[in-house]
Amino acid sequence: MACLAAKPIVDGIEQAYSGRVIVMRIDARDATNRELAAQWGLRMTPTYVRFDARGQEVYRTTGSISRERFDALMADY
């Protein structure tokens, strides 16, 4: 599963950006998260969504993402 393979990258992102960003992990298979997954249009895993300070979506991608790509996306943050 791609979401399991991404875990080490997400763990590193969460640690490196601690206190600056909120990393939310949503298990879309869990019934309690289905409404949130539907609200955000999460159809594939993993899905990465970046919101700005106002809560507006500014970036979305599905599948794997490298740490370097994530860092580049955060360069202006």
Protein backbone atom coordinates (compact mmCIF):
# COMPACT_ATOMS: atom_id res chain seq x y z
CA MET A 1 0.00 0.00 0.00
CA ALA A 2 1.34 3.37 -1.01
CA CYS A 3 0.08 5.01 2.17
CA LEU A 4 2.16 2.63 4.30
CA ALA A 5 5.21 3.21 2.13
CA ALA A 6 4.79 6.97 2.62
CA LYS A 7 4.75 6.70 6.43
CA PRO A 8 8.51 7.31 6.92
CA ILE A 9 8.37 10.41 4.70
CA VAL A 10 5.32 11.78 6.52
CA ASP A 11 6.95 11.01 9.88
CA GLY A 12 10.01 13.03 8.80
CA ILE A 13 7.87 15.91 7.56
CA GLU A 14 5.91 15.97 10.79
CA GLN A 15 9.10 16.07 12.84
CA ALA A 16 10.92 18.64 10.69
CA TYR A 17 7.97 21.05 10.53
CA SER A 18 6.76 20.55 14.11
CA GLY A 19 5.26 23.75 15.45
CA ARG A 20 4.96 25.29 11.98
CA VAL A 21 2.46 23.03 10.23
CA ILE A 22 -0.23 20.61 11.29
CA VAL A 23 0.07 17.15 9.79
CA MET A 24 -3.25 15.32 9.75
CA ARG A 25 -3.36 11.61 9.05
CA ILE A 26 -6.77 10.45 7.99
CA ASP A 27 -7.55 6.78 7.55
CA ALA A 28 -10.28 7.02 4.93
CA ARG A 29 -11.20 3.38 5.52
CA ASP A 30 -12.25 4.20 9.09
CA ALA A 31 -15.99 4.90 9.25
CA THR A 32 -15.43 7.86 11.58
CA ASN A 33 -13.29 9.58 8.94
CA ARG A 34 -15.46 8.94 5.88
CA GLU A 35 -17.35 12.22 6.19
CA LEU A 36 -14.11 14.20 6.43
CA ALA A 37 -12.61 12.27 3.50
CA ALA A 38 -15.71 13.03 1.42
CA GLN A 39 -15.68 16.70 2.46
CA TRP A 40 -12.08 17.08 1.30
CA GLY A 41 -12.54 14.88 -1.78
CA LEU A 42 -10.01 12.27 -0.68
CA ARG A 43 -10.41 9.47 -3.20
CA MET A 44 -6.91 7.95 -3.40
CA THR A 45 -4.25 7.27 -0.81
CA PRO A 46 -2.03 8.83 0.00
CA THR A 47 -3.34 12.28 -0.78
CA TYR A 48 -1.41 15.36 0.28
CA VAL A 49 -3.29 18.63 0.63
CA ARG A 50 -1.73 21.92 1.65
CA PHE A 51 -3.91 24.69 3.04
CA ASP A 52 -2.85 28.28 3.54
CA ALA A 53 -3.32 30.16 6.81
CA ARG A 54 -6.91 31.03 5.82
CA GLY A 55 -7.79 27.36 5.28
CA GLN A 56 -7.84 27.63 1.49
CA GLU A 57 -6.44 24.70 -0.45
CA VAL A 58 -3.30 25.73 -2.34
CA TYR A 59 -1.87 22.36 -3.40
CA ARG A 60 -3.02 18.77 -3.82
CA THR A 61 -1.36 15.62 -5.08
CA THR A 62 -1.97 11.91 -4.80
CA GLY A 63 0.51 9.08 -4.67
CA SER A 64 4.00 9.30 -3.34
CA ILE A 65 5.78 12.57 -2.73
CA SER A 66 9.47 12.93 -2.04
CA ARG A 67 10.75 14.85 0.93
CA GLU A 68 12.56 17.18 -1.47
CA ARG A 69 9.30 17.96 -3.31
CA PHE A 70 7.52 18.65 -0.03
CA ASP A 71 10.33 20.94 1.13
CA ALA A 72 10.11 22.85 -2.16
CA LEU A 73 6.36 23.29 -1.67
CA MET A 74 7.01 24.69 1.79
CA ALA A 75 9.79 27.08 0.69
CA ASP A 76 7.41 30.05 0.68
CA TYR A 77 5.83 29.15 4.03
